[in-house]
Amino acid sequence: MTSLRERHDELQESFTTELRNAMDSTRNELQGARAENRETLEKLVRAQRELKSLVTQNAEMEKTLADYQEKVNTLSTNNSKFVTEQMTELEKRTADNLAESRGSMMRGFESDLMRIAEEITHELMTPQIDSKSAETADRLRRIMGSLIELNMRIEKQEDLMSDHKLQKNIRGLVDEIIRRSLDADRLEHREMISQLYKKMNEVVNAMHYPKYYLHSRLELGV
């Protein structure tokens, strides 16, 4: 009996030890699993935080990109508008300068024409004109020379000839000279004065109808 009891005690002690060891092992494994689960959970939480941060950064980057694109579009529109405005302003200044240059030049031509017309009028209004006077013929030839010189100057600037108001004034001036020439008492130098009027008309045509005038001269072989 004693031997059996001892054997029973040994088995019980062995079983208790194995059970304790198994429980300790299970406890250790459970603690390890918990620790591993806790670590995995922490990693998951960190990953979620990082993902959220990335989503936030991406949204901020998209907003920044949209703002930048809007600024680029605005800048492009403003630049295009600025260039258009500058081109328009340049065209306006060029047109104004051209008009001013044309007006100044035409006023100069008109002044010369009026001076020549006054000289012709003076000859027409002379109480006594000696048809054989060399001095009178010289004066008329000098006036003709002035008209020819003015005509040459006008032909060089033919592209700028376009002023309807001045055209009307000069036409009126020439018409007045022609009207006065019809006075029967002023025809002693008929041929010379006739040539002067013809040249005056050529000058006015060159000033106001340059293309037609030049074309006509080419057709006539002048």
Foldseek 3Di string as FASTA:
>chain_A
DVVVVVVVVVVVVVVVVVVVVVVVVVVVVVVVVVVVVVVVVVVVVVVVVVVVVVVVVVVVVVVVVVVVVVVVVVVVVVVVVVVVVVVVVVVVVVVVVLVVVLVVVLVVLLVLLVVLLVLLVVLQPPPDDDLPDPVSVVSLVVSVVSLVVSLVVLLVVQVSQADVVSLVVLVVSLVVSVVSCPPPRRCSVVVSVVVSSVSSVLSSCCRHVVVVSVVVCVVVVD
